[in-house]
PDB file of N, CA and C in Angstrom:
ATOM      1  N   UNK A   1      85.065 141.321 112.956  1.00  0.00           N
ATOM      2  CA  UNK A   1      85.722 140.094 113.363  1.00  0.00           C
ATOM      3  C   UNK A   1      86.643 139.647 112.231  1.00  0.00           C
ATOM      4  N   UNK A   2      87.907 139.445 112.541  1.00  0.00           N
ATOM      5  CA  UNK A   2      88.866 139.093 111.497  1.00  0.00           C
ATOM      6  C   UNK A   2      89.072 137.611 111.330  1.00  0.00           C
ATOM      7  N   UNK A   3      88.664 136.817 112.314  1.00  0.00           N
ATOM      8  CA  UNK A   3      88.793 135.361 112.210  1.00  0.00           C
ATOM      9  C   UNK A   3      87.411 134.759 112.326  1.00  0.00           C
ATOM     10  N   UNK A   4      87.172 133.698 111.605  1.00  0.00           N
ATOM     11  CA  UNK A   4      85.872 133.042 111.710  1.00  0.00           C
ATOM     12  C   UNK A   4      86.074 131.554 111.958  1.00  0.00           C
ATOM     13  N   UNK A   5      85.088 130.887 112.558  1.00  0.00           N
ATOM     14  CA  UNK A   5      85.214 129.457 112.801  1.00  0.00           C
ATOM     15  C   UNK A   5      85.473 128.706 111.507  1.00  0.00           C
ATOM     16  N   UNK A   6      86.385 127.755 111.549  1.00  0.00           N
ATOM     17  CA  UNK A   6      86.769 127.025 110.360  1.00  0.00           C
ATOM     18  C   UNK A   6      86.390 125.559 110.374  1.00  0.00           C
ATOM     19  N   UNK A   7      86.393 124.928 111.513  1.00  0.00           N
ATOM     20  CA  UNK A   7      86.215 123.487 111.528  1.00  0.00           C
ATOM     21  C   UNK A   7      85.534 123.070 112.817  1.00  0.00           C
ATOM     22  N   UNK A   8      86.184 122.245 113.600  1.00  0.00           N
ATOM     23  CA  UNK A   8      85.596 121.725 114.826  1.00  0.00           C
ATOM     24  C   UNK A   8      85.331 122.819 115.834  1.00  0.00           C
ATOM     25  N   UNK A   9      84.238 122.675 116.568  1.00  0.00           N
ATOM     26  CA  UNK A   9      83.879 123.695 117.553  1.00  0.00           C
ATOM     27  C   UNK A   9      83.181 123.064 118.743  1.00  0.00           C
ATOM     28  N   UNK A  10      83.198 123.778 119.872  1.00  0.00           N
ATOM     29  CA  UNK A  10      82.488 123.369 121.070  1.00  0.00           C
ATOM     30  C   UNK A  10      82.092 124.619 121.845  1.00  0.00           C
ATOM     31  N   UNK A  11      81.177 124.465 122.776  1.00  0.00           N
ATOM     32  CA  UNK A  11      80.698 125.578 123.595  1.00  0.00           C
ATOM     33  C   UNK A  11      81.141 125.344 125.036  1.00  0.00           C
ATOM     34  N   UNK A  12      81.560 126.419 125.723  1.00  0.00           N
ATOM     35  CA  UNK A  12      81.931 126.271 127.131  1.00  0.00           C
ATOM     36  C   UNK A  12      80.760 126.659 128.032  1.00  0.00           C
ATOM     37  N   UNK A  13      80.957 126.502 129.332  1.00  0.00           N
ATOM     38  CA  UNK A  13      79.877 126.738 130.290  1.00  0.00           C
ATOM     39  C   UNK A  13      79.470 128.203 130.405  1.00  0.00           C
ATOM     40  N   UNK A  14      80.265 129.099 129.830  1.00  0.00           N
ATOM     41  CA  UNK A  14      79.926 130.521 129.829  1.00  0.00           C
ATOM     42  C   UNK A  14      79.224 130.935 128.538  1.00  0.00           C
ATOM     43  N   UNK A  15      78.980 129.971 127.638  1.00  0.00           N
ATOM     44  CA  UNK A  15      78.285 130.250 126.391  1.00  0.00           C
ATOM     45  C   UNK A  15      79.175 130.743 125.269  1.00  0.00           C
ATOM     46  N   UNK A  16      80.490 130.615 125.425  1.00  0.00           N
ATOM     47  CA  UNK A  16      81.431 131.036 124.398  1.00  0.00           C
ATOM     48  C   UNK A  16      81.716 129.873 123.447  1.00  0.00           C
ATOM     49  N   UNK A  17      81.937 130.180 122.189  1.00  0.00           N
ATOM     50  CA  UNK A  17      82.237 129.188 121.164  1.00  0.00           C
ATOM     51  C   UNK A  17      83.743 129.065 120.997  1.00  0.00           C
ATOM     52  N   UNK A  18      84.258 127.848 121.093  1.00  0.00           N
ATOM     53  CA  UNK A  18      85.666 127.549 120.829  1.00  0.00           C
ATOM     54  C   UNK A  18      85.736 126.911 119.459  1.00  0.00           C
ATOM     55  N   UNK A  19      86.647 127.383 118.612  1.00  0.00           N
ATOM     56  CA  UNK A  19      86.741 126.878 117.250  1.00  0.00           C
ATOM     57  C   UNK A  19      88.186 126.585 116.869  1.00  0.00           C
ATOM     58  N   UNK A  20      88.394 125.455 116.207  1.00  0.00           N
ATOM     59  CA  UNK A  20      89.707 125.123 115.654  1.00  0.00           C
ATOM     60  C   UNK A  20      89.865 125.874 114.334  1.00  0.00           C
ATOM     61  N   UNK A  21      90.946 126.630 114.220  1.00  0.00           N
ATOM     62  CA  UNK A  21      91.229 127.362 112.979  1.00  0.00           C
ATOM     63  C   UNK A  21      92.227 126.520 112.194  1.00  0.00           C
ATOM     64  N   UNK A  22      91.679 125.647 111.370  1.00  0.00           N
ATOM     65  CA  UNK A  22      92.439 124.568 110.749  1.00  0.00           C
ATOM     66  C   UNK A  22      93.592 125.045 109.859  1.00  0.00           C
ATOM     67  N   UNK A  23      93.522 126.223 109.312  1.00  0.00           N
ATOM     68  CA  UNK A  23      94.599 126.717 108.449  1.00  0.00           C
ATOM     69  C   UNK A  23      95.470 127.767 109.126  1.00  0.00           C
ATOM     70  N   UNK A  24      95.331 127.922 110.440  1.00  0.00           N
ATOM     71  CA  UNK A  24      96.088 128.954 111.142  1.00  0.00           C
ATOM     72  C   UNK A  24      96.885 128.436 112.338  1.00  0.00           C
ATOM     73  N   UNK A  25      96.832 127.164 112.648  1.00  0.00           N
ATOM     74  CA  UNK A  25      97.531 126.589 113.804  1.00  0.00           C
ATOM     75  C   UNK A  25      97.130 127.310 115.094  1.00  0.00           C
ATOM     76  N   UNK A  26      95.815 127.501 115.256  1.00  0.00           N
ATOM     77  CA  UNK A  26      95.322 128.219 116.428  1.00  0.00           C
ATOM     78  C   UNK A  26      93.908 127.756 116.750  1.00  0.00           C
ATOM     79  N   UNK A  27      93.482 128.083 117.974  1.00  0.00           N
ATOM     80  CA  UNK A  27      92.086 127.939 118.343  1.00  0.00           C
ATOM     81  C   UNK A  27      91.602 129.308 118.801  1.00  0.00           C
ATOM     82  N   UNK A  28      90.323 129.554 118.588  1.00  0.00           N
ATOM     83  CA  UNK A  28      89.749 130.854 118.932  1.00  0.00           C
ATOM     84  C   UNK A  28      88.556 130.645 119.848  1.00  0.00           C
ATOM     85  N   UNK A  29      88.357 131.613 120.738  1.00  0.00           N
ATOM     86  CA  UNK A  29      87.177 131.634 121.598  1.00  0.00           C
ATOM     87  C   UNK A  29      86.381 132.883 121.234  1.00  0.00           C
ATOM     88  N   UNK A  30      85.120 132.668 120.859  1.00  0.00           N
ATOM     89  CA  UNK A  30      84.251 133.765 120.457  1.00  0.00           C
ATOM     90  C   UNK A  30      83.174 133.991 121.504  1.00  0.00           C
ATOM     91  N   UNK A  31      82.924 135.246 121.832  1.00  0.00           N
ATOM     92  CA  UNK A  31      81.870 135.627 122.765  1.00  0.00           C
ATOM     93  C   UNK A  31      80.507 135.395 122.116  1.00  0.00           C
ATOM     94  N   UNK A  32      79.460 135.313 122.922  1.00  0.00           N
ATOM     95  CA  UNK A  32      78.117 135.130 122.362  1.00  0.00           C
ATOM     96  C   UNK A  32      77.721 136.199 121.336  1.00  0.00           C
ATOM     97  N   UNK A  33      78.308 137.391 121.425  1.00  0.00           N
ATOM     98  CA  UNK A  33      77.984 138.441 120.445  1.00  0.00           C
ATOM     99  C   UNK A  33      78.840 138.339 119.181  1.00  0.00           C
ATOM    100  N   UNK A  34      79.706 137.301 119.103  1.00  0.00           N
ATOM    101  CA  UNK A  34      80.508 137.076 117.903  1.00  0.00           C
ATOM    102  C   UNK A  34      81.895 137.693 117.925  1.00  0.00           C
ATOM    103  N   UNK A  35      82.215 138.467 118.951  1.00  0.00           N
ATOM    104  CA  UNK A  35      83.545 139.079 119.007  1.00  0.00           C
ATOM    105  C   UNK A  35      84.582 138.049 119.451  1.00  0.00           C
ATOM    106  N   UNK A  36      85.798 138.231 118.956  1.00  0.00           N
ATOM    107  CA  UNK A  36      86.897 137.344 119.314  1.00  0.00           C
ATOM    108  C   UNK A  36      87.339 137.657 120.733  1.00  0.00           C
ATOM    109  N   UNK A  37      87.302 136.650 121.606  1.00  0.00           N
ATOM    110  CA  UNK A  37      87.681 136.805 122.998  1.00  0.00           C
ATOM    111  C   UNK A  37      89.128 136.375 123.230  1.00  0.00           C
ATOM    112  N   UNK A  38      89.532 135.261 122.629  1.00  0.00           N
ATOM    113  CA  UNK A  38      90.901 134.739 122.761  1.00  0.00           C
ATOM    114  C   UNK A  38      91.343 134.102 121.459  1.00  0.00           C
ATOM    115  N   UNK A  39      92.629 134.176 121.222  1.00  0.00           N
ATOM    116  CA  UNK A  39      93.244 133.464 120.110  1.00  0.00           C
ATOM    117  C   UNK A  39      94.483 132.787 120.674  1.00  0.00           C
ATOM    118  N   UNK A  40      94.533 131.465 120.590  1.00  0.00           N
ATOM    119  CA  UNK A  40      95.619 130.701 121.192  1.00  0.00           C
ATOM    120  C   UNK A  40      96.332 129.901 120.115  1.00  0.00           C
ATOM    121  N   UNK A  41      97.622 130.168 119.927  1.00  0.00           N
ATOM    122  CA  UNK A  41      98.429 129.363 119.008  1.00  0.00           C
ATOM    123  C   UNK A  41      98.603 127.979 119.612  1.00  0.00           C
ATOM    124  N   UNK A  42      98.540 126.945 118.769  1.00  0.00           N
ATOM    125  CA  UNK A  42      98.656 125.561 119.227  1.00  0.00           C
ATOM    126  C   UNK A  42      99.749 124.844 118.435  1.00  0.00           C
ATOM    127  N   UNK A  43     100.311 123.771 119.022  1.00  0.00           N
ATOM    128  CA  UNK A  43     101.398 123.065 118.344  1.00  0.00           C
ATOM    129  C   UNK A  43     101.041 122.481 116.974  1.00  0.00           C
ATOM    130  N   UNK A  44      99.873 121.840 116.803  1.00  0.00           N
ATOM    131  CA  UNK A  44      99.623 121.257 115.491  1.00  0.00           C
ATOM    132  C   UNK A  44      99.397 122.328 114.428  1.00  0.00           C
ATOM    133  N   UNK A  45      99.916 122.056 113.244  1.00  0.00           N
ATOM    134  CA  UNK A  45      99.760 122.998 112.131  1.00  0.00           C
ATOM    135  C   UNK A  45      98.308 123.093 111.653  1.00  0.00           C
ATOM    136  N   UNK A  46      97.585 121.988 111.797  1.00  0.00           N
ATOM    137  CA  UNK A  46      96.206 121.936 111.304  1.00  0.00           C
ATOM    138  C   UNK A  46      95.268 121.354 112.370  1.00  0.00           C
ATOM    139  N   UNK A  47      94.883 122.165 113.374  1.00  0.00           N
ATOM    140  CA  UNK A  47      93.935 121.675 114.380  1.00  0.00           C
ATOM    141  C   UNK A  47      92.570 121.444 113.748  1.00  0.00           C
ATOM    142  N   UNK A  48      91.866 120.415 114.226  1.00  0.00           N
ATOM    143  CA  UNK A  48      90.595 120.089 113.572  1.00  0.00           C
ATOM    144  C   UNK A  48      89.376 120.099 114.475  1.00  0.00           C
ATOM    145  N   UNK A  49      89.418 119.416 115.590  1.00  0.00           N
ATOM    146  CA  UNK A  49      88.219 119.306 116.432  1.00  0.00           C
ATOM    147  C   UNK A  49      88.546 119.560 117.894  1.00  0.00           C
ATOM    148  N   UNK A  50      87.544 120.020 118.624  1.00  0.00           N
ATOM    149  CA  UNK A  50      87.699 120.360 120.036  1.00  0.00           C
ATOM    150  C   UNK A  50      86.604 119.704 120.864  1.00  0.00           C
ATOM    151  N   UNK A  51      86.952 119.352 122.102  1.00  0.00           N
ATOM    152  CA  UNK A  51      85.959 118.842 123.050  1.00  0.00           C
ATOM    153  C   UNK A  51      86.489 119.032 124.457  1.00  0.00           C
ATOM    154  N   UNK A  52      85.626 119.482 125.363  1.00  0.00           N
ATOM    155  CA  UNK A  52      86.005 119.572 126.767  1.00  0.00           C
ATOM    156  C   UNK A  52      85.828 118.211 127.408  1.00  0.00           C
ATOM    157  N   UNK A  53      86.729 117.872 128.329  1.00  0.00           N
ATOM    158  CA  UNK A  53      86.641 116.596 129.021  1.00  0.00           C
ATOM    159  C   UNK A  53      87.384 116.659 130.336  1.00  0.00           C
ATOM    160  N   UNK A  54      87.579 115.495 130.934  1.00  0.00           N
ATOM    161  CA  UNK A  54      88.220 115.397 132.234  1.00  0.00           C
ATOM    162  C   UNK A  54      87.185 115.433 133.331  1.00  0.00           C
ATOM    163  N   UNK A  55      87.594 115.113 134.568  1.00  0.00           N
ATOM    164  CA  UNK A  55      86.652 115.043 135.692  1.00  0.00           C
ATOM    165  C   UNK A  55      85.859 116.330 135.925  1.00  0.00           C
ATOM    166  N   UNK A  56      86.469 117.478 135.679  1.00  0.00           N
ATOM    167  CA  UNK A  56      85.785 118.765 135.882  1.00  0.00           C
ATOM    168  C   UNK A  56      85.407 119.439 134.564  1.00  0.00           C
ATOM    169  N   UNK A  57      85.557 118.713 133.463  1.00  0.00           N
ATOM    170  CA  UNK A  57      85.299 119.244 132.110  1.00  0.00           C
ATOM    171  C   UNK A  57      86.124 120.499 131.827  1.00  0.00           C
ATOM    172  N   UNK A  58      87.309 120.595 132.431  1.00  0.00           N
ATOM    173  CA  UNK A  58      88.124 121.804 132.251  1.00  0.00           C
ATOM    174  C   UNK A  58      89.405 121.562 131.441  1.00  0.00           C
ATOM    175  N   UNK A  59      89.465 120.422 130.777  1.00  0.00           N
ATOM    176  CA  UNK A  59      90.558 120.144 129.844  1.00  0.00           C
ATOM    177  C   UNK A  59      89.983 120.215 128.445  1.00  0.00           C
ATOM    178  N   UNK A  60      90.617 120.986 127.586  1.00  0.00           N
ATOM    179  CA  UNK A  60      90.172 121.092 126.199  1.00  0.00           C
ATOM    180  C   UNK A  60      91.017 120.141 125.359  1.00  0.00           C
ATOM    181  N   UNK A  61      90.370 119.175 124.751  1.00  0.00           N
ATOM    182  CA  UNK A  61      91.068 118.215 123.887  1.00  0.00           C
ATOM    183  C   UNK A  61      90.991 118.697 122.450  1.00  0.00           C
ATOM    184  N   UNK A  62      92.098 118.530 121.748  1.00  0.00           N
ATOM    185  CA  UNK A  62      92.247 119.036 120.391  1.00  0.00           C
ATOM    186  C   UNK A  62      92.844 117.950 119.522  1.00  0.00           C
ATOM    187  N   UNK A  63      92.262 117.726 118.362  1.00  0.00           N
ATOM    188  CA  UNK A  63      92.839 116.795 117.396  1.00  0.00           C
ATOM    189  C   UNK A  63      93.435 117.582 116.241  1.00  0.00           C
ATOM    190  N   UNK A  64      94.277 116.903 115.453  1.00  0.00           N
ATOM    191  CA  UNK A  64      94.865 117.560 114.286  1.00  0.00           C
ATOM    192  C   UNK A  64      94.657 116.712 113.038  1.00  0.00           C
ATOM    193  N   UNK A  65      94.677 117.366 111.916  1.00  0.00           N
ATOM    194  CA  UNK A  65      94.464 116.749 110.620  1.00  0.00           C
ATOM    195  C   UNK A  65      95.507 115.668 110.373  1.00  0.00           C
ATOM    196  N   UNK A  66      95.062 114.495 109.921  1.00  0.00           N
ATOM    197  CA  UNK A  66      96.030 113.449 109.604  1.00  0.00           C
ATOM    198  C   UNK A  66      96.218 113.301 108.102  1.00  0.00           C
ATOM    199  N   UNK A  67      95.145 113.408 107.327  1.00  0.00           N
ATOM    200  CA  UNK A  67      95.267 113.302 105.876  1.00  0.00           C
ATOM    201  C   UNK A  67      93.996 113.846 105.244  1.00  0.00           C
ATOM    202  N   UNK A  68      94.165 114.800 104.364  1.00  0.00           N
ATOM    203  CA  UNK A  68      93.003 115.369 103.686  1.00  0.00           C
ATOM    204  C   UNK A  68      93.113 115.190 102.184  1.00  0.00           C
ATOM    205  N   UNK A  69      93.927 114.219 101.761  1.00  0.00           N
ATOM    206  CA  UNK A  69      94.138 114.012 100.342  1.00  0.00           C
ATOM    207  C   UNK A  69      95.301 114.822  99.821  1.00  0.00           C
ATOM    208  N   UNK A  70      95.931 115.573 100.684  1.00  0.00           N
ATOM    209  CA  UNK A  70      97.118 116.314 100.286  1.00  0.00           C
ATOM    210  C   UNK A  70      98.282 115.869 101.157  1.00  0.00           C
ATOM    211  N   UNK A  71      99.462 115.996 100.671  1.00  0.00           N
ATOM    212  CA  UNK A  71     100.645 115.524 101.381  1.00  0.00           C
ATOM    213  C   UNK A  71     100.985 116.432 102.548  1.00  0.00           C
ATOM    214  N   UNK A  72     101.170 115.845 103.708  1.00  0.00           N
ATOM    215  CA  UNK A  72     101.540 116.595 104.905  1.00  0.00           C
ATOM    216  C   UNK A  72     102.985 116.256 105.273  1.00  0.00           C
ATOM    217  N   UNK A  73     103.891 116.403 104.318  1.00  0.00           N
ATOM    218  CA  UNK A  73     105.299 116.062 104.517  1.00  0.00           C
ATOM    219  C   UNK A  73     105.895 116.694 105.762  1.00  0.00           C
ATOM    220  N   UNK A  74     106.507 115.868 106.587  1.00  0.00           N
ATOM    221  CA  UNK A  74     107.257 116.360 107.726  1.00  0.00           C
ATOM    222  C   UNK A  74     106.419 116.956 108.847  1.00  0.00           C
ATOM    223  N   UNK A  75     105.104 116.841 108.777  1.00  0.00           N
ATOM    224  CA  UNK A  75     104.258 117.394 109.829  1.00  0.00           C
ATOM    225  C   UNK A  75     104.112 116.361 110.932  1.00  0.00           C
ATOM    226  N   UNK A  76     104.960 116.466 111.955  1.00  0.00           N
ATOM    227  CA  UNK A  76     104.943 115.503 113.050  1.00  0.00           C
ATOM    228  C   UNK A  76     103.679 115.620 113.910  1.00  0.00           C
ATOM    229  N   UNK A  77     102.953 116.715 113.778  1.00  0.00           N
ATOM    230  CA  UNK A  77     101.731 116.901 114.560  1.00  0.00           C
ATOM    231  C   UNK A  77     100.506 116.281 113.896  1.00  0.00           C
ATOM    232  N   UNK A  78     100.664 115.782 112.676  1.00  0.00           N
ATOM    233  CA  UNK A  78      99.534 115.224 111.931  1.00  0.00           C
ATOM    234  C   UNK A  78      98.923 114.044 112.668  1.00  0.00           C
ATOM    235  N   UNK A  79      97.609 114.078 112.828  1.00  0.00           N
ATOM    236  CA  UNK A  79      96.884 112.985 113.465  1.00  0.00           C
ATOM    237  C   UNK A  79      97.052 112.924 114.969  1.00  0.00           C
ATOM    238  N   UNK A  80      97.453 114.021 115.581  1.00  0.00           N
ATOM    239  CA  UNK A  80      97.711 114.034 117.013  1.00  0.00           C
ATOM    240  C   UNK A  80      96.495 114.371 117.865  1.00  0.00           C
ATOM    241  N   UNK A  81      96.612 114.052 119.145  1.00  0.00           N
ATOM    242  CA  UNK A  81      95.613 114.413 120.145  1.00  0.00           C
ATOM    243  C   UNK A  81      96.333 115.197 121.230  1.00  0.00           C
ATOM    244  N   UNK A  82      95.824 116.369 121.565  1.00  0.00           N
ATOM    245  CA  UNK A  82      96.451 117.274 122.527  1.00  0.00           C
ATOM    246  C   UNK A  82      95.461 117.594 123.642  1.00  0.00           C
ATOM    247  N   UNK A  83      95.974 117.815 124.838  1.00  0.00           N
ATOM    248  CA  UNK A  83      95.158 118.223 125.983  1.00  0.00           C
ATOM    249  C   UNK A  83      95.655 119.593 126.430  1.00  0.00           C
ATOM    250  N   UNK A  84      94.744 120.549 126.509  1.00  0.00           N
ATOM    251  CA  UNK A  84      95.091 121.910 126.918  1.00  0.00           C
ATOM    252  C   UNK A  84      94.418 122.179 128.259  1.00  0.00           C
ATOM    253  N   UNK A  85      95.239 122.483 129.252  1.00  0.00           N
ATOM    254  CA  UNK A  85      94.729 122.727 130.605  1.00  0.00           C
ATOM    255  C   UNK A  85      95.013 124.160 131.020  1.00  0.00           C
ATOM    256  N   UNK A  86      94.353 124.601 132.085  1.00  0.00           N
ATOM    257  CA  UNK A  86      94.617 125.921 132.635  1.00  0.00           C
ATOM    258  C   UNK A  86      93.958 127.063 131.890  1.00  0.00           C
ATOM    259  N   UNK A  87      92.881 126.791 131.179  1.00  0.00           N
ATOM    260  CA  UNK A  87      92.191 127.843 130.423  1.00  0.00           C
ATOM    261  C   UNK A  87      91.262 128.678 131.304  1.00  0.00           C
ATOM    262  N   UNK A  88      90.930 128.169 132.481  1.00  0.00           N
ATOM    263  CA  UNK A  88      90.054 128.916 133.380  1.00  0.00           C
ATOM    264  C   UNK A  88      88.581 128.808 133.056  1.00  0.00           C
ATOM    265  N   UNK A  89      88.218 127.889 132.180  1.00  0.00           N
ATOM    266  CA  UNK A  89      86.811 127.653 131.843  1.00  0.00           C
ATOM    267  C   UNK A  89      86.574 126.152 131.753  1.00  0.00           C
ATOM    268  N   UNK A  90      85.321 125.776 131.772  1.00  0.00           N
ATOM    269  CA  UNK A  90      84.948 124.368 131.650  1.00  0.00           C
ATOM    270  C   UNK A  90      83.918 124.224 130.533  1.00  0.00           C
ATOM    271  N   UNK A  91      83.776 123.008 130.075  1.00  0.00           N
ATOM    272  CA  UNK A  91      82.785 122.712 129.064  1.00  0.00           C
ATOM    273  C   UNK A  91      81.438 122.388 129.690  1.00  0.00           C
ATOM    274  N   UNK A  92      80.524 121.969 128.866  1.00  0.00           N
ATOM    275  CA  UNK A  92      79.187 121.582 129.301  1.00  0.00           C
ATOM    276  C   UNK A  92      79.082 120.071 129.309  1.00  0.00           C
ATOM    277  N   UNK A  93      78.382 119.539 130.283  1.00  0.00           N
ATOM    278  CA  UNK A  93      78.149 118.103 130.319  1.00  0.00           C
ATOM    279  C   UNK A  93      77.244 117.706 129.155  1.00  0.00           C
ATOM    280  N   UNK A  94      77.507 116.546 128.596  1.00  0.00           N
ATOM    281  CA  UNK A  94      76.693 116.060 127.499  1.00  0.00           C
ATOM    282  C   UNK A  94      75.316 115.618 127.982  1.00  0.00           C
ATOM    283  N   UNK A  95      74.409 115.512 127.067  1.00  0.00           N
ATOM    284  CA  UNK A  95      73.049 115.073 127.385  1.00  0.00           C
ATOM    285  C   UNK A  95      72.908 113.593 127.011  1.00  0.00           C
ATOM    286  N   UNK A  96      72.327 112.838 127.880  1.00  0.00           N
ATOM    287  CA  UNK A  96      72.076 111.426 127.594  1.00  0.00           C
ATOM    288  C   UNK A  96      70.703 111.300 126.931  1.00  0.00           C
ATOM    289  N   UNK A  97      70.683 110.495 125.902  1.00  0.00           N
ATOM    290  CA  UNK A  97      69.436 110.279 125.160  1.00  0.00           C
ATOM    291  C   UNK A  97      69.210 108.778 125.053  1.00  0.00           C
ATOM    292  N   UNK A  98      67.989 108.350 125.293  1.00  0.00           N
ATOM    293  CA  UNK A  98      67.637 106.953 125.109  1.00  0.00           C
ATOM    294  C   UNK A  98      66.740 106.865 123.876  1.00  0.00           C
ATOM    295  N   UNK A  99      67.182 106.117 122.905  1.00  0.00           N
ATOM    296  CA  UNK A  99      66.407 105.951 121.683  1.00  0.00           C
ATOM    297  C   UNK A  99      65.759 104.567 121.684  1.00  0.00           C
ATOM    298  N   UNK A 100      64.592 104.465 121.077  1.00  0.00           N
ATOM    299  CA  UNK A 100      63.914 103.165 121.049  1.00  0.00           C
ATOM    300  C   UNK A 100      64.677 102.154 120.200  1.00  0.00           C
TER     301      UNK A 100
END
């Protein structure tokens, strides 16, 4: 495997891991056995976190780095929120927990 998870990650309904590759301007989907299934270039230079949402949980939401203590001169994608549709997969519904 030439790419490894770097930052934010989520799991889809097929058991695959989606990971933001914060220094590569891409997101990756890894199979349960660890092999790279997909690599998708994304508009933000520094994607950070992922979450499935929407009525059918089939929209992948992606955030981007806004400030990490280093200057992000001219990066118009800094601090953005993106919605990626048409991936052909859905996320998992969250679990509700009641705490005392």
